[in-house]
Amino acid sequence: MRSLFEAGLNPSDAEILALATAEARVVLTEDADFGALVFAAGVRTSGVIRIEQEAPARQLAAIRAVIVAHQPELEAGAFVTSRRDAIRVASPPPRG
């Protein structure tokens, strides 16, 4: 699986969320702007994992921990932030 960058693509954050949702994929990011799209703009997702303030050597372990512990929430479209040794799970706004 290649990243969008590796595939030579440069979509907007909204386009990334739309593409990931259409393919039932979780978005992995360090970018806080995805939270604004999910919570302020109400954009639907198939889940977002945001890795924040994590040393590159620890990022993979942090991602794995989030997926193992929070797979059901991610499948429901949760926005999960992993920050060093803390994980915060935020449910998406109700669909209406």
PDB file of N, CA and C in Angstrom:
ATOM      1  N   MET A   1       0.851  -1.176   0.000  1.00  0.00           N
ATOM      2  CA  MET A   1       0.000   0.000   0.000  1.00  0.00           C
ATOM      3  C   MET A   1       0.894   1.235   0.000  1.00  0.00           C
ATOM      4  N   ARG A   2       0.690   2.100  -0.974  1.00  0.00           N
ATOM      5  CA  ARG A   2       1.456   3.328  -1.068  1.00  0.00           C
ATOM      6  C   ARG A   2       0.661   4.478  -0.469  1.00  0.00           C
ATOM      7  N   SER A   3       1.395   5.462   0.038  1.00  0.00           N
ATOM      8  CA  SER A   3       0.737   6.669   0.510  1.00  0.00           C
ATOM      9  C   SER A   3       0.332   7.502  -0.695  1.00  0.00           C
ATOM     10  N   LEU A   4      -0.528   8.481  -0.475  1.00  0.00           N
ATOM     11  CA  LEU A   4      -0.921   9.385  -1.562  1.00  0.00           C
ATOM     12  C   LEU A   4       0.296  10.115  -2.118  1.00  0.00           C
ATOM     13  N   PHE A   5       1.188  10.508  -1.231  1.00  0.00           N
ATOM     14  CA  PHE A   5       2.405  11.199  -1.656  1.00  0.00           C
ATOM     15  C   PHE A   5       3.242  10.293  -2.554  1.00  0.00           C
ATOM     16  N   GLU A   6       3.409   9.030  -2.149  1.00  0.00           N
ATOM     17  CA  GLU A   6       4.194   8.090  -2.952  1.00  0.00           C
ATOM     18  C   GLU A   6       3.548   7.835  -4.313  1.00  0.00           C
ATOM     19  N   ALA A   7       2.221   7.942  -4.370  1.00  0.00           N
ATOM     20  CA  ALA A   7       1.505   7.744  -5.631  1.00  0.00           C
ATOM     21  C   ALA A   7       1.547   8.988  -6.517  1.00  0.00           C
ATOM     22  N   GLY A   8       2.190  10.059  -6.033  1.00  0.00           N
ATOM     23  CA  GLY A   8       2.300  11.276  -6.821  1.00  0.00           C
ATOM     24  C   GLY A   8       1.056  12.141  -6.792  1.00  0.00           C
ATOM     25  N   LEU A   9       0.190  11.920  -5.813  1.00  0.00           N
ATOM     26  CA  LEU A   9      -1.052  12.685  -5.699  1.00  0.00           C
ATOM     27  C   LEU A   9      -0.900  13.771  -4.644  1.00  0.00           C
ATOM     28  N   ASN A  10      -1.665  14.841  -4.784  1.00  0.00           N
ATOM     29  CA  ASN A  10      -1.640  15.928  -3.813  1.00  0.00           C
ATOM     30  C   ASN A  10      -3.057  16.444  -3.583  1.00  0.00           C
ATOM     31  N   PRO A  11      -3.968  15.582  -3.108  1.00  0.00           N
ATOM     32  CA  PRO A  11      -5.347  16.010  -2.901  1.00  0.00           C
ATOM     33  C   PRO A  11      -5.485  16.889  -1.661  1.00  0.00           C
ATOM     34  N   SER A  12      -6.577  17.626  -1.597  1.00  0.00           N
ATOM     35  CA  SER A  12      -6.883  18.421  -0.406  1.00  0.00           C
ATOM     36  C   SER A  12      -7.268  17.475   0.735  1.00  0.00           C
ATOM     37  N   ASP A  13      -7.303  18.000   1.955  1.00  0.00           N
ATOM     38  CA  ASP A  13      -7.711  17.180   3.101  1.00  0.00           C
ATOM     39  C   ASP A  13      -9.125  16.636   2.909  1.00  0.00           C
ATOM     40  N   ALA A  14     -10.028  17.457   2.391  1.00  0.00           N
ATOM     41  CA  ALA A  14     -11.405  17.004   2.156  1.00  0.00           C
ATOM     42  C   ALA A  14     -11.438  15.877   1.128  1.00  0.00           C
ATOM     43  N   GLU A  15     -10.604  15.988   0.093  1.00  0.00           N
ATOM     44  CA  GLU A  15     -10.543  14.930  -0.919  1.00  0.00           C
ATOM     45  C   GLU A  15      -9.960  13.643  -0.337  1.00  0.00           C
ATOM     46  N   ILE A  16      -8.982  13.773   0.533  1.00  0.00           N
ATOM     47  CA  ILE A  16      -8.407  12.597   1.194  1.00  0.00           C
ATOM     48  C   ILE A  16      -9.468  11.880   2.008  1.00  0.00           C
ATOM     49  N   LEU A  17     -10.233  12.635   2.807  1.00  0.00           N
ATOM     50  CA  LEU A  17     -11.290  12.014   3.615  1.00  0.00           C
ATOM     51  C   LEU A  17     -12.344  11.359   2.730  1.00  0.00           C
ATOM     52  N   ALA A  18     -12.721  12.010   1.648  1.00  0.00           N
ATOM     53  CA  ALA A  18     -13.732  11.446   0.748  1.00  0.00           C
ATOM     54  C   ALA A  18     -13.235  10.157   0.106  1.00  0.00           C
ATOM     55  N   LEU A  19     -11.993  10.160  -0.348  1.00  0.00           N
ATOM     56  CA  LEU A  19     -11.420   8.969  -0.970  1.00  0.00           C
ATOM     57  C   LEU A  19     -11.311   7.825   0.037  1.00  0.00           C
ATOM     58  N   ALA A  20     -10.806   8.120   1.222  1.00  0.00           N
ATOM     59  CA  ALA A  20     -10.672   7.091   2.257  1.00  0.00           C
ATOM     60  C   ALA A  20     -12.025   6.524   2.645  1.00  0.00           C
ATOM     61  N   THR A  21     -13.020   7.374   2.773  1.00  0.00           N
ATOM     62  CA  THR A  21     -14.362   6.916   3.149  1.00  0.00           C
ATOM     63  C   THR A  21     -14.957   6.051   2.042  1.00  0.00           C
ATOM     64  N   ALA A  22     -14.784   6.459   0.800  1.00  0.00           N
ATOM     65  CA  ALA A  22     -15.308   5.676  -0.326  1.00  0.00           C
ATOM     66  C   ALA A  22     -14.675   4.289  -0.390  1.00  0.00           C
ATOM     67  N   GLU A  23     -13.426   4.182   0.070  1.00  0.00           N
ATOM     68  CA  GLU A  23     -12.710   2.903   0.051  1.00  0.00           C
ATOM     69  C   GLU A  23     -12.705   2.225   1.423  1.00  0.00           C
ATOM     70  N   ALA A  24     -13.466   2.767   2.387  1.00  0.00           N
ATOM     71  CA  ALA A  24     -13.541   2.233   3.755  1.00  0.00           C
ATOM     72  C   ALA A  24     -12.152   2.111   4.378  1.00  0.00           C
ATOM     73  N   ARG A  25     -11.361   3.167   4.239  1.00  0.00           N
ATOM     74  CA  ARG A  25     -10.004   3.200   4.801  1.00  0.00           C
ATOM     75  C   ARG A  25      -9.927   4.223   5.926  1.00  0.00           C
ATOM     76  N   VAL A  26      -9.054   3.953   6.869  1.00  0.00           N
ATOM     77  CA  VAL A  26      -8.765   4.881   7.952  1.00  0.00           C
ATOM     78  C   VAL A  26      -7.673   5.825   7.475  1.00  0.00           C
ATOM     79  N   VAL A  27      -7.813   7.110   7.784  1.00  0.00           N
ATOM     80  CA  VAL A  27      -6.796   8.102   7.450  1.00  0.00           C
ATOM     81  C   VAL A  27      -5.796   8.159   8.598  1.00  0.00           C
ATOM     82  N   LEU A  28      -4.527   8.100   8.262  1.00  0.00           N
ATOM     83  CA  LEU A  28      -3.440   8.231   9.222  1.00  0.00           C
ATOM     84  C   LEU A  28      -2.751   9.552   8.943  1.00  0.00           C
ATOM     85  N   THR A  29      -2.638  10.412   9.971  1.00  0.00           N
ATOM     86  CA  THR A  29      -2.115  11.757   9.733  1.00  0.00           C
ATOM     87  C   THR A  29      -1.429  12.313  10.975  1.00  0.00           C
ATOM     88  N   GLU A  30      -0.650  13.357  10.757  1.00  0.00           N
ATOM     89  CA  GLU A  30      -0.120  14.185  11.837  1.00  0.00           C
ATOM     90  C   GLU A  30      -0.798  15.562  11.806  1.00  0.00           C
ATOM     91  N   ASP A  31      -1.670  15.781  10.848  1.00  0.00           N
ATOM     92  CA  ASP A  31      -2.284  17.073  10.541  1.00  0.00           C
ATOM     93  C   ASP A  31      -3.548  17.302  11.372  1.00  0.00           C
ATOM     94  N   ALA A  32      -3.569  18.366  12.154  1.00  0.00           N
ATOM     95  CA  ALA A  32      -4.723  18.691  12.995  1.00  0.00           C
ATOM     96  C   ALA A  32      -5.915  19.197  12.184  1.00  0.00           C
ATOM     97  N   ASP A  33      -5.695  19.617  10.942  1.00  0.00           N
ATOM     98  CA  ASP A  33      -6.786  20.158  10.126  1.00  0.00           C
ATOM     99  C   ASP A  33      -7.891  19.143   9.860  1.00  0.00           C
ATOM    100  N   PHE A  34      -7.579  17.856   9.899  1.00  0.00           N
ATOM    101  CA  PHE A  34      -8.610  16.848   9.677  1.00  0.00           C
ATOM    102  C   PHE A  34      -9.687  16.917  10.762  1.00  0.00           C
ATOM    103  N   GLY A  35      -9.305  17.272  11.976  1.00  0.00           N
ATOM    104  CA  GLY A  35     -10.280  17.413  13.059  1.00  0.00           C
ATOM    105  C   GLY A  35     -11.297  18.500  12.766  1.00  0.00           C
ATOM    106  N   ALA A  36     -10.857  19.593  12.183  1.00  0.00           N
ATOM    107  CA  ALA A  36     -11.789  20.668  11.830  1.00  0.00           C
ATOM    108  C   ALA A  36     -12.793  20.194  10.790  1.00  0.00           C
ATOM    109  N   LEU A  37     -12.340  19.413   9.834  1.00  0.00           N
ATOM    110  CA  LEU A  37     -13.264  18.898   8.820  1.00  0.00           C
ATOM    111  C   LEU A  37     -14.284  17.941   9.428  1.00  0.00           C
ATOM    112  N   VAL A  38     -13.821  17.091  10.323  1.00  0.00           N
ATOM    113  CA  VAL A  38     -14.711  16.092  10.920  1.00  0.00           C
ATOM    114  C   VAL A  38     -15.695  16.734  11.886  1.00  0.00           C
ATOM    115  N   PHE A  39     -15.211  17.597  12.768  1.00  0.00           N
ATOM    116  CA  PHE A  39     -16.078  18.108  13.829  1.00  0.00           C
ATOM    117  C   PHE A  39     -16.759  19.429  13.502  1.00  0.00           C
ATOM    118  N   ALA A  40     -16.076  20.345  12.853  1.00  0.00           N
ATOM    119  CA  ALA A  40     -16.693  21.632  12.536  1.00  0.00           C
ATOM    120  C   ALA A  40     -17.518  21.560  11.255  1.00  0.00           C
ATOM    121  N   ALA A  41     -16.994  20.865  10.251  1.00  0.00           N
ATOM    122  CA  ALA A  41     -17.691  20.800   8.972  1.00  0.00           C
ATOM    123  C   ALA A  41     -18.579  19.568   8.843  1.00  0.00           C
ATOM    124  N   GLY A  42     -18.447  18.614   9.770  1.00  0.00           N
ATOM    125  CA  GLY A  42     -19.305  17.436   9.754  1.00  0.00           C
ATOM    126  C   GLY A  42     -18.998  16.435   8.649  1.00  0.00           C
ATOM    127  N   VAL A  43     -17.762  16.436   8.155  1.00  0.00           N
ATOM    128  CA  VAL A  43     -17.371  15.489   7.110  1.00  0.00           C
ATOM    129  C   VAL A  43     -17.335  14.082   7.708  1.00  0.00           C
ATOM    130  N   ARG A  44     -17.956  13.131   7.024  1.00  0.00           N
ATOM    131  CA  ARG A  44     -18.003  11.741   7.470  1.00  0.00           C
ATOM    132  C   ARG A  44     -16.723  11.018   7.089  1.00  0.00           C
ATOM    133  N   THR A  45     -16.292  10.075   7.929  1.00  0.00           N
ATOM    134  CA  THR A  45     -15.069   9.324   7.659  1.00  0.00           C
ATOM    135  C   THR A  45     -15.269   7.853   7.983  1.00  0.00           C
ATOM    136  N   SER A  46     -14.274   7.080   7.599  1.00  0.00           N
ATOM    137  CA  SER A  46     -14.179   5.685   8.016  1.00  0.00           C
ATOM    138  C   SER A  46     -13.172   5.568   9.156  1.00  0.00           C
ATOM    139  N   GLY A  47     -12.921   6.674   9.824  1.00  0.00           N
ATOM    140  CA  GLY A  47     -11.991   6.722  10.947  1.00  0.00           C
ATOM    141  C   GLY A  47     -10.746   7.508  10.599  1.00  0.00           C
ATOM    142  N   VAL A  48     -10.213   8.192  11.609  1.00  0.00           N
ATOM    143  CA  VAL A  48      -8.985   8.964  11.463  1.00  0.00           C
ATOM    144  C   VAL A  48      -8.109   8.668  12.669  1.00  0.00           C
ATOM    145  N   ILE A  49      -6.833   8.390  12.416  1.00  0.00           N
ATOM    146  CA  ILE A  49      -5.846   8.275  13.481  1.00  0.00           C
ATOM    147  C   ILE A  49      -4.867   9.418  13.296  1.00  0.00           C
ATOM    148  N   ARG A  50      -4.764  10.252  14.325  1.00  0.00           N
ATOM    149  CA  ARG A  50      -3.809  11.364  14.289  1.00  0.00           C
ATOM    150  C   ARG A  50      -2.706  11.063  15.291  1.00  0.00           C
ATOM    151  N   ILE A  51      -1.495  10.996  14.804  1.00  0.00           N
ATOM    152  CA  ILE A  51      -0.333  10.769  15.648  1.00  0.00           C
ATOM    153  C   ILE A  51       0.269  12.129  15.952  1.00  0.00           C
ATOM    154  N   GLU A  52       0.384  12.444  17.236  1.00  0.00           N
ATOM    155  CA  GLU A  52       0.823  13.776  17.654  1.00  0.00           C
ATOM    156  C   GLU A  52       1.992  13.653  18.630  1.00  0.00           C
ATOM    157  N   GLN A  53       3.036  14.409  18.407  1.00  0.00           N
ATOM    158  CA  GLN A  53       4.196  14.488  19.297  1.00  0.00           C
ATOM    159  C   GLN A  53       4.763  13.116  19.641  1.00  0.00           C
ATOM    160  N   GLU A  54       4.916  12.288  18.642  1.00  0.00           N
ATOM    161  CA  GLU A  54       5.460  10.950  18.844  1.00  0.00           C
ATOM    162  C   GLU A  54       6.757  10.838  18.064  1.00  0.00           C
ATOM    163  N   ALA A  55       7.790  10.335  18.701  1.00  0.00           N
ATOM    164  CA  ALA A  55       9.071  10.130  18.026  1.00  0.00           C
ATOM    165  C   ALA A  55       8.877   9.167  16.862  1.00  0.00           C
ATOM    166  N   PRO A  56       9.535   9.423  15.737  1.00  0.00           N
ATOM    167  CA  PRO A  56       9.368   8.546  14.585  1.00  0.00           C
ATOM    168  C   PRO A  56       9.586   7.065  14.914  1.00  0.00           C
ATOM    169  N   ALA A  57      10.512   6.757  15.781  1.00  0.00           N
ATOM    170  CA  ALA A  57      10.788   5.359  16.143  1.00  0.00           C
ATOM    171  C   ALA A  57       9.616   4.709  16.873  1.00  0.00           C
ATOM    172  N   ARG A  58       8.729   5.511  17.451  1.00  0.00           N
ATOM    173  CA  ARG A  58       7.589   4.986  18.215  1.00  0.00           C
ATOM    174  C   ARG A  58       6.266   5.064  17.462  1.00  0.00           C
ATOM    175  N   GLN A  59       6.247   5.683  16.307  1.00  0.00           N
ATOM    176  CA  GLN A  59       4.987   5.899  15.603  1.00  0.00           C
ATOM    177  C   GLN A  59       4.287   4.599  15.221  1.00  0.00           C
ATOM    178  N   LEU A  60       5.003   3.635  14.696  1.00  0.00           N
ATOM    179  CA  LEU A  60       4.370   2.388  14.282  1.00  0.00           C
ATOM    180  C   LEU A  60       3.738   1.671  15.474  1.00  0.00           C
ATOM    181  N   ALA A  61       4.441   1.629  16.595  1.00  0.00           N
ATOM    182  CA  ALA A  61       3.887   0.996  17.794  1.00  0.00           C
ATOM    183  C   ALA A  61       2.641   1.738  18.269  1.00  0.00           C
ATOM    184  N   ALA A  62       2.657   3.064  18.188  1.00  0.00           N
ATOM    185  CA  ALA A  62       1.497   3.856  18.595  1.00  0.00           C
ATOM    186  C   ALA A  62       0.300   3.583  17.698  1.00  0.00           C
ATOM    187  N   ILE A  63       0.539   3.483  16.401  1.00  0.00           N
ATOM    188  CA  ILE A  63      -0.544   3.198  15.449  1.00  0.00           C
ATOM    189  C   ILE A  63      -1.139   1.824  15.726  1.00  0.00           C
ATOM    190  N   ARG A  64      -0.275   0.839  15.916  1.00  0.00           N
ATOM    191  CA  ARG A  64      -0.757  -0.513  16.217  1.00  0.00           C
ATOM    192  C   ARG A  64      -1.589  -0.531  17.494  1.00  0.00           C
ATOM    193  N   ALA A  65      -1.138   0.169  18.513  1.00  0.00           N
ATOM    194  CA  ALA A  65      -1.878   0.211  19.781  1.00  0.00           C
ATOM    195  C   ALA A  65      -3.269   0.808  19.591  1.00  0.00           C
ATOM    196  N   VAL A  66      -3.352   1.863  18.806  1.00  0.00           N
ATOM    197  CA  VAL A  66      -4.653   2.485  18.537  1.00  0.00           C
ATOM    198  C   VAL A  66      -5.576   1.508  17.815  1.00  0.00           C
ATOM    199  N   ILE A  67      -5.065   0.850  16.795  1.00  0.00           N
ATOM    200  CA  ILE A  67      -5.904  -0.071  16.023  1.00  0.00           C
ATOM    201  C   ILE A  67      -6.381  -1.234  16.882  1.00  0.00           C
ATOM    202  N   VAL A  68      -5.487  -1.814  17.660  1.00  0.00           N
ATOM    203  CA  VAL A  68      -5.869  -2.948  18.515  1.00  0.00           C
ATOM    204  C   VAL A  68      -6.907  -2.530  19.552  1.00  0.00           C
ATOM    205  N   ALA A  69      -6.685  -1.409  20.192  1.00  0.00           N
ATOM    206  CA  ALA A  69      -7.568  -0.988  21.286  1.00  0.00           C
ATOM    207  C   ALA A  69      -8.862  -0.340  20.817  1.00  0.00           C
ATOM    208  N   HIS A  70      -8.871   0.236  19.618  1.00  0.00           N
ATOM    209  CA  HIS A  70     -10.014   1.070  19.224  1.00  0.00           C
ATOM    210  C   HIS A  70     -10.570   0.745  17.832  1.00  0.00           C
ATOM    211  N   GLN A  71     -10.406  -0.481  17.383  1.00  0.00           N
ATOM    212  CA  GLN A  71     -10.907  -0.859  16.060  1.00  0.00           C
ATOM    213  C   GLN A  71     -12.407  -0.618  15.901  1.00  0.00           C
ATOM    214  N   PRO A  72     -13.258  -1.010  16.867  1.00  0.00           N
ATOM    215  CA  PRO A  72     -14.696  -0.760  16.681  1.00  0.00           C
ATOM    216  C   PRO A  72     -15.035   0.724  16.553  1.00  0.00           C
ATOM    217  N   GLU A  73     -14.365   1.555  17.347  1.00  0.00           N
ATOM    218  CA  GLU A  73     -14.626   2.990  17.271  1.00  0.00           C
ATOM    219  C   GLU A  73     -14.172   3.554  15.925  1.00  0.00           C
ATOM    220  N   LEU A  74     -13.010   3.101  15.444  1.00  0.00           N
ATOM    221  CA  LEU A  74     -12.532   3.550  14.137  1.00  0.00           C
ATOM    222  C   LEU A  74     -13.505   3.151  13.044  1.00  0.00           C
ATOM    223  N   GLU A  75     -14.005   1.925  13.105  1.00  0.00           N
ATOM    224  CA  GLU A  75     -14.962   1.464  12.093  1.00  0.00           C
ATOM    225  C   GLU A  75     -16.239   2.295  12.111  1.00  0.00           C
ATOM    226  N   ALA A  76     -16.544   2.900  13.259  1.00  0.00           N
ATOM    227  CA  ALA A  76     -17.724   3.758  13.373  1.00  0.00           C
ATOM    228  C   ALA A  76     -17.409   5.214  13.011  1.00  0.00           C
ATOM    229  N   GLY A  77     -16.169   5.476  12.558  1.00  0.00           N
ATOM    230  CA  GLY A  77     -15.816   6.824  12.117  1.00  0.00           C
ATOM    231  C   GLY A  77     -15.173   7.695  13.165  1.00  0.00           C
ATOM    232  N   ALA A  78     -14.650   7.118  14.238  1.00  0.00           N
ATOM    233  CA  ALA A  78     -14.045   7.908  15.320  1.00  0.00           C
ATOM    234  C   ALA A  78     -12.789   8.633  14.843  1.00  0.00           C
ATOM    235  N   PHE A  79     -12.474   9.700  15.557  1.00  0.00           N
ATOM    236  CA  PHE A  79     -11.241  10.458  15.368  1.00  0.00           C
ATOM    237  C   PHE A  79     -10.385  10.155  16.582  1.00  0.00           C
ATOM    238  N   VAL A  80      -9.297   9.408  16.391  1.00  0.00           N
ATOM    239  CA  VAL A  80      -8.460   8.969  17.496  1.00  0.00           C
ATOM    240  C   VAL A  80      -7.132   9.699  17.433  1.00  0.00           C
ATOM    241  N   THR A  81      -6.766  10.330  18.539  1.00  0.00           N
ATOM    242  CA  THR A  81      -5.493  11.035  18.625  1.00  0.00           C
ATOM    243  C   THR A  81      -4.584  10.287  19.587  1.00  0.00           C
ATOM    244  N   SER A  82      -3.395   9.948  19.116  1.00  0.00           N
ATOM    245  CA  SER A  82      -2.392   9.304  19.947  1.00  0.00           C
ATOM    246  C   SER A  82      -1.296  10.318  20.200  1.00  0.00           C
ATOM    247  N   ARG A  83      -1.092  10.638  21.468  1.00  0.00           N
ATOM    248  CA  ARG A  83      -0.097  11.642  21.844  1.00  0.00           C
ATOM    249  C   ARG A  83       0.783  11.061  22.936  1.00  0.00           C
ATOM    250  N   ARG A  84       1.984  10.750  22.552  1.00  0.00           N
ATOM    251  CA  ARG A  84       2.937  10.077  23.436  1.00  0.00           C
ATOM    252  C   ARG A  84       2.274   8.864  24.067  1.00  0.00           C
ATOM    253  N   ASP A  85       1.982   8.875  25.352  1.00  0.00           N
ATOM    254  CA  ASP A  85       1.395   7.699  25.998  1.00  0.00           C
ATOM    255  C   ASP A  85      -0.087   7.853  26.292  1.00  0.00           C
ATOM    256  N   ALA A  86      -0.739   8.810  25.670  1.00  0.00           N
ATOM    257  CA  ALA A  86      -2.179   9.018  25.889  1.00  0.00           C
ATOM    258  C   ALA A  86      -2.919   8.870  24.560  1.00  0.00           C
ATOM    259  N   ILE A  87      -4.093   8.281  24.644  1.00  0.00           N
ATOM    260  CA  ILE A  87      -4.942   8.130  23.465  1.00  0.00           C
ATOM    261  C   ILE A  87      -6.287   8.768  23.771  1.00  0.00           C
ATOM    262  N   ARG A  88      -6.771   9.617  22.853  1.00  0.00           N
ATOM    263  CA  ARG A  88      -8.079  10.259  23.010  1.00  0.00           C
ATOM    264  C   ARG A  88      -8.958   9.824  21.842  1.00  0.00           C
ATOM    265  N   VAL A  89     -10.150   9.346  22.170  1.00  0.00           N
ATOM    266  CA  VAL A  89     -11.096   8.899  21.162  1.00  0.00           C
ATOM    267  C   VAL A  89     -12.280   9.853  21.154  1.00  0.00           C
ATOM    268  N   ALA A  90     -12.568  10.420  20.007  1.00  0.00           N
ATOM    269  CA  ALA A  90     -13.716  11.319  19.865  1.00  0.00           C
ATOM    270  C   ALA A  90     -14.649  10.735  18.808  1.00  0.00           C
ATOM    271  N   SER A  91     -15.883  10.557  19.186  1.00  0.00           N
ATOM    272  CA  SER A  91     -16.876  10.051  18.246  1.00  0.00           C
ATOM    273  C   SER A  91     -17.268  11.161  17.273  1.00  0.00           C
ATOM    274  N   PRO A  92     -17.591  10.786  16.059  1.00  0.00           N
ATOM    275  CA  PRO A  92     -18.020  11.786  15.099  1.00  0.00           C
ATOM    276  C   PRO A  92     -19.373  12.363  15.497  1.00  0.00           C
ATOM    277  N   PRO A  93     -19.704  13.560  15.006  1.00  0.00           N
ATOM    278  CA  PRO A  93     -21.025  14.122  15.286  1.00  0.00           C
ATOM    279  C   PRO A  93     -22.104  13.183  14.757  1.00  0.00           C
ATOM    280  N   PRO A  94     -23.281  13.180  15.374  1.00  0.00           N
ATOM    281  CA  PRO A  94     -24.359  12.326  14.891  1.00  0.00           C
ATOM    282  C   PRO A  94     -24.701  12.627  13.435  1.00  0.00           C
ATOM    283  N   ARG A  95     -25.009  11.589  12.711  1.00  0.00           N
ATOM    284  CA  ARG A  95     -25.422  11.775  11.312  1.00  0.00           C
ATOM    285  C   ARG A  95     -26.844  12.286  11.290  1.00  0.00           C
ATOM    286  N   GLY A  96     -27.063  13.267  10.489  1.00  0.00           N
ATOM    287  CA  GLY A  96     -28.392  13.837  10.503  1.00  0.00           C
ATOM    288  C   GLY A  96     -28.813  14.237   9.213  1.00  0.00           C
TER     289      GLY A  96
END
